Amino acid sequence: MTLEESLQSLSNHESFATFVFTIRDLREEAIEELHKADFETIQQIAGRIITYDQILQMAGYRILEKRFG
């Protein structure tokens, strides 16, 4: 089973959507941190935001939001 097939299968479960929504919330918290961050930590926080975005895209966040949000 490929990663895409696994994610497609998981997308049928509300508990997976809840997990993905938690990732979304962590991303939003990181964005808030970015506004308050000093120069030294901006790159680290930006890296976390990019990682969260990649996970959300792979998981099909928008579709999950329509289905379970």
PDB file of N, CA and C in Angstrom:
ATOM      1  N   MET A   1       0.844  -1.173   0.000  1.00  0.00           N
ATOM      2  CA  MET A   1       0.000   0.000   0.000  1.00  0.00           C
ATOM      3  C   MET A   1       0.892   1.239   0.000  1.00  0.00           C
ATOM      4  N   THR A   2       0.614   2.168  -0.887  1.00  0.00           N
ATOM      5  CA  THR A   2       1.412   3.392  -0.975  1.00  0.00           C
ATOM      6  C   THR A   2       0.981   4.381   0.113  1.00  0.00           C
ATOM      7  N   LEU A   3       1.786   5.400   0.276  1.00  0.00           N
ATOM      8  CA  LEU A   3       1.449   6.441   1.248  1.00  0.00           C
ATOM      9  C   LEU A   3       0.132   7.107   0.884  1.00  0.00           C
ATOM     10  N   GLU A   4      -0.060   7.382  -0.389  1.00  0.00           N
ATOM     11  CA  GLU A   4      -1.308   8.014  -0.836  1.00  0.00           C
ATOM     12  C   GLU A   4      -2.515   7.135  -0.532  1.00  0.00           C
ATOM     13  N   GLU A   5      -2.374   5.844  -0.768  1.00  0.00           N
ATOM     14  CA  GLU A   5      -3.471   4.917  -0.479  1.00  0.00           C
ATOM     15  C   GLU A   5      -3.749   4.854   1.024  1.00  0.00           C
ATOM     16  N   SER A   6      -2.709   4.858   1.813  1.00  0.00           N
ATOM     17  CA  SER A   6      -2.869   4.841   3.271  1.00  0.00           C
ATOM     18  C   SER A   6      -3.592   6.091   3.758  1.00  0.00           C
ATOM     19  N   LEU A   7      -3.170   7.243   3.250  1.00  0.00           N
ATOM     20  CA  LEU A   7      -3.809   8.497   3.655  1.00  0.00           C
ATOM     21  C   LEU A   7      -5.259   8.550   3.191  1.00  0.00           C
ATOM     22  N   GLN A   8      -5.526   8.025   2.005  1.00  0.00           N
ATOM     23  CA  GLN A   8      -6.899   7.974   1.502  1.00  0.00           C
ATOM     24  C   GLN A   8      -7.769   7.115   2.418  1.00  0.00           C
ATOM     25  N   SER A   9      -7.243   5.996   2.839  1.00  0.00           N
ATOM     26  CA  SER A   9      -7.976   5.115   3.749  1.00  0.00           C
ATOM     27  C   SER A   9      -8.214   5.792   5.102  1.00  0.00           C
ATOM     28  N   LEU A  10      -7.189   6.435   5.615  1.00  0.00           N
ATOM     29  CA  LEU A  10      -7.318   7.134   6.897  1.00  0.00           C
ATOM     30  C   LEU A  10      -8.314   8.284   6.831  1.00  0.00           C
ATOM     31  N   SER A  11      -8.435   8.903   5.663  1.00  0.00           N
ATOM     32  CA  SER A  11      -9.313  10.073   5.537  1.00  0.00           C
ATOM     33  C   SER A  11     -10.786   9.733   5.734  1.00  0.00           C
ATOM     34  N   ASN A  12     -11.111   8.454   5.818  1.00  0.00           N
ATOM     35  CA  ASN A  12     -12.487   8.038   6.070  1.00  0.00           C
ATOM     36  C   ASN A  12     -12.823   7.980   7.557  1.00  0.00           C
ATOM     37  N   HIS A  13     -11.843   8.263   8.396  1.00  0.00           N
ATOM     38  CA  HIS A  13     -12.030   8.148   9.844  1.00  0.00           C
ATOM     39  C   HIS A  13     -12.006   9.526  10.509  1.00  0.00           C
ATOM     40  N   GLU A  14     -13.002   9.784  11.301  1.00  0.00           N
ATOM     41  CA  GLU A  14     -13.094  11.072  11.986  1.00  0.00           C
ATOM     42  C   GLU A  14     -11.921  11.275  12.946  1.00  0.00           C
ATOM     43  N   SER A  15     -11.435  10.197  13.542  1.00  0.00           N
ATOM     44  CA  SER A  15     -10.302  10.327  14.461  1.00  0.00           C
ATOM     45  C   SER A  15      -9.050  10.825  13.727  1.00  0.00           C
ATOM     46  N   PHE A  16      -8.872  10.432  12.471  1.00  0.00           N
ATOM     47  CA  PHE A  16      -7.750  10.949  11.676  1.00  0.00           C
ATOM     48  C   PHE A  16      -7.950  12.441  11.414  1.00  0.00           C
ATOM     49  N   ALA A  17      -9.178  12.825  11.121  1.00  0.00           N
ATOM     50  CA  ALA A  17      -9.470  14.242  10.907  1.00  0.00           C
ATOM     51  C   ALA A  17      -9.152  15.043  12.164  1.00  0.00           C
ATOM     52  N   THR A  18      -9.478  14.503  13.318  1.00  0.00           N
ATOM     53  CA  THR A  18      -9.172  15.184  14.581  1.00  0.00           C
ATOM     54  C   THR A  18      -7.667  15.370  14.736  1.00  0.00           C
ATOM     55  N   PHE A  19      -6.901  14.349  14.378  1.00  0.00           N
ATOM     56  CA  PHE A  19      -5.443  14.453  14.419  1.00  0.00           C
ATOM     57  C   PHE A  19      -4.946  15.543  13.476  1.00  0.00           C
ATOM     58  N   VAL A  20      -5.478  15.567  12.264  1.00  0.00           N
ATOM     59  CA  VAL A  20      -5.064  16.566  11.274  1.00  0.00           C
ATOM     60  C   VAL A  20      -5.453  17.969  11.747  1.00  0.00           C
ATOM     61  N   PHE A  21      -6.604  18.109  12.374  1.00  0.00           N
ATOM     62  CA  PHE A  21      -7.018  19.413  12.892  1.00  0.00           C
ATOM     63  C   PHE A  21      -6.085  19.870  14.010  1.00  0.00           C
ATOM     64  N   THR A  22      -5.536  18.921  14.764  1.00  0.00           N
ATOM     65  CA  THR A  22      -4.546  19.264  15.793  1.00  0.00           C
ATOM     66  C   THR A  22      -3.282  19.807  15.148  1.00  0.00           C
ATOM     67  N   ILE A  23      -2.868  19.199  14.045  1.00  0.00           N
ATOM     68  CA  ILE A  23      -1.712  19.707  13.292  1.00  0.00           C
ATOM     69  C   ILE A  23      -1.995  21.133  12.808  1.00  0.00           C
ATOM     70  N   ARG A  24      -3.215  21.353  12.320  1.00  0.00           N
ATOM     71  CA  ARG A  24      -3.606  22.698  11.875  1.00  0.00           C
ATOM     72  C   ARG A  24      -3.485  23.700  13.028  1.00  0.00           C
ATOM     73  N   ASP A  25      -3.955  23.311  14.207  1.00  0.00           N
ATOM     74  CA  ASP A  25      -3.887  24.204  15.365  1.00  0.00           C
ATOM     75  C   ASP A  25      -2.445  24.491  15.767  1.00  0.00           C
ATOM     76  N   LEU A  26      -1.591  23.475  15.691  1.00  0.00           N
ATOM     77  CA  LEU A  26      -0.170  23.683  15.990  1.00  0.00           C
ATOM     78  C   LEU A  26       0.455  24.652  14.993  1.00  0.00           C
ATOM     79  N   ARG A  27       0.053  24.546  13.740  1.00  0.00           N
ATOM     80  CA  ARG A  27       0.541  25.471  12.709  1.00  0.00           C
ATOM     81  C   ARG A  27       0.126  26.902  13.036  1.00  0.00           C
ATOM     82  N   GLU A  28      -1.137  27.075  13.432  1.00  0.00           N
ATOM     83  CA  GLU A  28      -1.620  28.413  13.785  1.00  0.00           C
ATOM     84  C   GLU A  28      -0.880  28.979  14.993  1.00  0.00           C
ATOM     85  N   GLU A  29      -0.597  28.130  15.969  1.00  0.00           N
ATOM     86  CA  GLU A  29       0.174  28.574  17.135  1.00  0.00           C
ATOM     87  C   GLU A  29       1.580  29.006  16.728  1.00  0.00           C
ATOM     88  N   ALA A  30       2.179  28.269  15.812  1.00  0.00           N
ATOM     89  CA  ALA A  30       3.524  28.618  15.341  1.00  0.00           C
ATOM     90  C   ALA A  30       3.507  29.955  14.605  1.00  0.00           C
ATOM     91  N   ILE A  31       2.459  30.207  13.850  1.00  0.00           N
ATOM     92  CA  ILE A  31       2.339  31.495  13.160  1.00  0.00           C
ATOM     93  C   ILE A  31       2.239  32.627  14.175  1.00  0.00           C
ATOM     94  N   GLU A  32       1.482  32.414  15.247  1.00  0.00           N
ATOM     95  CA  GLU A  32       1.405  33.425  16.304  1.00  0.00           C
ATOM     96  C   GLU A  32       2.769  33.644  16.950  1.00  0.00           C
ATOM     97  N   GLU A  33       3.505  32.555  17.189  1.00  0.00           N
ATOM     98  CA  GLU A  33       4.855  32.664  17.754  1.00  0.00           C
ATOM     99  C   GLU A  33       5.765  33.478  16.847  1.00  0.00           C
ATOM    100  N   LEU A  34       5.596  33.302  15.548  1.00  0.00           N
ATOM    101  CA  LEU A  34       6.434  33.989  14.576  1.00  0.00           C
ATOM    102  C   LEU A  34       6.308  35.502  14.710  1.00  0.00           C
ATOM    103  N   HIS A  35       5.123  35.981  15.021  1.00  0.00           N
ATOM    104  CA  HIS A  35       4.899  37.419  15.163  1.00  0.00           C
ATOM    105  C   HIS A  35       5.646  37.998  16.359  1.00  0.00           C
ATOM    106  N   LYS A  36       5.895  37.155  17.375  1.00  0.00           N
ATOM    107  CA  LYS A  36       6.549  37.627  18.594  1.00  0.00           C
ATOM    108  C   LYS A  36       8.030  37.245  18.659  1.00  0.00           C
ATOM    109  N   ALA A  37       8.495  36.500  17.676  1.00  0.00           N
ATOM    110  CA  ALA A  37       9.831  35.902  17.745  1.00  0.00           C
ATOM    111  C   ALA A  37      10.937  36.910  17.498  1.00  0.00           C
ATOM    112  N   ASP A  38      12.072  36.645  18.127  1.00  0.00           N
ATOM    113  CA  ASP A  38      13.253  37.437  17.829  1.00  0.00           C
ATOM    114  C   ASP A  38      13.926  36.853  16.591  1.00  0.00           C
ATOM    115  N   PHE A  39      14.889  37.568  16.090  1.00  0.00           N
ATOM    116  CA  PHE A  39      15.535  37.215  14.827  1.00  0.00           C
ATOM    117  C   PHE A  39      16.114  35.804  14.836  1.00  0.00           C
ATOM    118  N   GLU A  40      16.677  35.379  15.959  1.00  0.00           N
ATOM    119  CA  GLU A  40      17.348  34.086  16.027  1.00  0.00           C
ATOM    120  C   GLU A  40      16.382  32.905  15.893  1.00  0.00           C
ATOM    121  N   THR A  41      15.139  33.069  16.302  1.00  0.00           N
ATOM    122  CA  THR A  41      14.202  31.940  16.291  1.00  0.00           C
ATOM    123  C   THR A  41      13.246  31.949  15.095  1.00  0.00           C
ATOM    124  N   ILE A  42      13.268  32.993  14.304  1.00  0.00           N
ATOM    125  CA  ILE A  42      12.344  33.084  13.161  1.00  0.00           C
ATOM    126  C   ILE A  42      12.531  31.912  12.203  1.00  0.00           C
ATOM    127  N   GLN A  43      13.761  31.577  11.877  1.00  0.00           N
ATOM    128  CA  GLN A  43      14.016  30.501  10.924  1.00  0.00           C
ATOM    129  C   GLN A  43      13.522  29.159  11.465  1.00  0.00           C
ATOM    130  N   GLN A  44      13.731  28.908  12.735  1.00  0.00           N
ATOM    131  CA  GLN A  44      13.283  27.656  13.349  1.00  0.00           C
ATOM    132  C   GLN A  44      11.754  27.546  13.309  1.00  0.00           C
ATOM    133  N   ILE A  45      11.071  28.616  13.663  1.00  0.00           N
ATOM    134  CA  ILE A  45       9.604  28.608  13.651  1.00  0.00           C
ATOM    135  C   ILE A  45       9.085  28.477  12.221  1.00  0.00           C
ATOM    136  N   ALA A  46       9.714  29.171  11.289  1.00  0.00           N
ATOM    137  CA  ALA A  46       9.302  29.071   9.886  1.00  0.00           C
ATOM    138  C   ALA A  46       9.452  27.635   9.385  1.00  0.00           C
ATOM    139  N   GLY A  47      10.488  26.952   9.809  1.00  0.00           N
ATOM    140  CA  GLY A  47      10.672  25.555   9.439  1.00  0.00           C
ATOM    141  C   GLY A  47       9.557  24.670   9.965  1.00  0.00           C
ATOM    142  N   ARG A  48       9.117  24.924  11.199  1.00  0.00           N
ATOM    143  CA  ARG A  48       7.996  24.166  11.757  1.00  0.00           C
ATOM    144  C   ARG A  48       6.728  24.429  10.961  1.00  0.00           C
ATOM    145  N   ILE A  49       6.496  25.682  10.586  1.00  0.00           N
ATOM    146  CA  ILE A  49       5.293  26.031   9.822  1.00  0.00           C
ATOM    147  C   ILE A  49       5.296  25.309   8.481  1.00  0.00           C
ATOM    148  N   ILE A  50       6.440  25.292   7.810  1.00  0.00           N
ATOM    149  CA  ILE A  50       6.548  24.591   6.521  1.00  0.00           C
ATOM    150  C   ILE A  50       6.255  23.103   6.697  1.00  0.00           C
ATOM    151  N   THR A  51       6.792  22.511   7.747  1.00  0.00           N
ATOM    152  CA  THR A  51       6.548  21.092   8.008  1.00  0.00           C
ATOM    153  C   THR A  51       5.072  20.821   8.255  1.00  0.00           C
ATOM    154  N   TYR A  52       4.439  21.656   9.076  1.00  0.00           N
ATOM    155  CA  TYR A  52       3.001  21.501   9.320  1.00  0.00           C
ATOM    156  C   TYR A  52       2.219  21.624   8.014  1.00  0.00           C
ATOM    157  N   ASP A  53       2.586  22.590   7.193  1.00  0.00           N
ATOM    158  CA  ASP A  53       1.900  22.773   5.904  1.00  0.00           C
ATOM    159  C   ASP A  53       2.025  21.523   5.026  1.00  0.00           C
ATOM    160  N   GLN A  54       3.211  20.949   4.993  1.00  0.00           N
ATOM    161  CA  GLN A  54       3.420  19.748   4.181  1.00  0.00           C
ATOM    162  C   GLN A  54       2.559  18.591   4.679  1.00  0.00           C
ATOM    163  N   ILE A  55       2.494  18.420   5.975  1.00  0.00           N
ATOM    164  CA  ILE A  55       1.660  17.356   6.542  1.00  0.00           C
ATOM    165  C   ILE A  55       0.200  17.595   6.196  1.00  0.00           C
ATOM    166  N   LEU A  56      -0.261  18.836   6.346  1.00  0.00           N
ATOM    167  CA  LEU A  56      -1.657  19.159   6.043  1.00  0.00           C
ATOM    168  C   LEU A  56      -1.982  18.896   4.575  1.00  0.00           C
ATOM    169  N   GLN A  57      -1.076  19.242   3.701  1.00  0.00           N
ATOM    170  CA  GLN A  57      -1.297  18.997   2.274  1.00  0.00           C
ATOM    171  C   GLN A  57      -1.335  17.506   1.968  1.00  0.00           C
ATOM    172  N   MET A  58      -0.403  16.750   2.523  1.00  0.00           N
ATOM    173  CA  MET A  58      -0.381  15.306   2.282  1.00  0.00           C
ATOM    174  C   MET A  58      -1.640  14.628   2.809  1.00  0.00           C
ATOM    175  N   ALA A  59      -2.149  15.111   3.931  1.00  0.00           N
ATOM    176  CA  ALA A  59      -3.313  14.492   4.566  1.00  0.00           C
ATOM    177  C   ALA A  59      -4.628  14.913   3.914  1.00  0.00           C
ATOM    178  N   GLY A  60      -4.579  15.859   2.995  1.00  0.00           N
ATOM    179  CA  GLY A  60      -5.814  16.321   2.363  1.00  0.00           C
ATOM    180  C   GLY A  60      -6.674  17.124   3.320  1.00  0.00           C
ATOM    181  N   TYR A  61      -6.032  18.043   4.016  1.00  0.00           N
ATOM    182  CA  TYR A  61      -6.692  18.827   5.056  1.00  0.00           C
ATOM    183  C   TYR A  61      -7.993  19.486   4.590  1.00  0.00           C
ATOM    184  N   ARG A  62      -7.988  20.094   3.449  1.00  0.00           N
ATOM    185  CA  ARG A  62      -9.179  20.813   2.963  1.00  0.00           C
ATOM    186  C   ARG A  62     -10.371  19.872   2.793  1.00  0.00           C
ATOM    187  N   ILE A  63     -10.119  18.697   2.274  1.00  0.00           N
ATOM    188  CA  ILE A  63     -11.195  17.714   2.095  1.00  0.00           C
ATOM    189  C   ILE A  63     -11.713  17.254   3.456  1.00  0.00           C
ATOM    190  N   LEU A  64     -10.783  16.994   4.383  1.00  0.00           N
ATOM    191  CA  LEU A  64     -11.184  16.575   5.731  1.00  0.00           C
ATOM    192  C   LEU A  64     -12.002  17.657   6.429  1.00  0.00           C
ATOM    193  N   GLU A  65     -11.602  18.906   6.209  1.00  0.00           N
ATOM    194  CA  GLU A  65     -12.320  20.017   6.828  1.00  0.00           C
ATOM    195  C   GLU A  65     -13.773  20.078   6.308  1.00  0.00           C
ATOM    196  N   LYS A  66     -13.939  19.861   5.006  1.00  0.00           N
ATOM    197  CA  LYS A  66     -15.291  19.866   4.433  1.00  0.00           C
ATOM    198  C   LYS A  66     -16.101  18.685   4.971  1.00  0.00           C
ATOM    199  N   ARG A  67     -15.468  17.555   5.112  1.00  0.00           N
ATOM    200  CA  ARG A  67     -16.168  16.344   5.519  1.00  0.00           C
ATOM    201  C   ARG A  67     -16.463  16.296   7.015  1.00  0.00           C
ATOM    202  N   PHE A  68     -15.478  16.681   7.843  1.00  0.00           N
ATOM    203  CA  PHE A  68     -15.610  16.516   9.283  1.00  0.00           C
ATOM    204  C   PHE A  68     -15.596  17.818  10.086  1.00  0.00           C
ATOM    205  N   GLY A  69     -15.177  18.905   9.434  1.00  0.00           N
ATOM    206  CA  GLY A  69     -15.020  20.167  10.142  1.00  0.00           C
ATOM    207  C   GLY A  69     -16.298  20.820  10.405  1.00  0.00           C
TER     208      GLY A  69
END
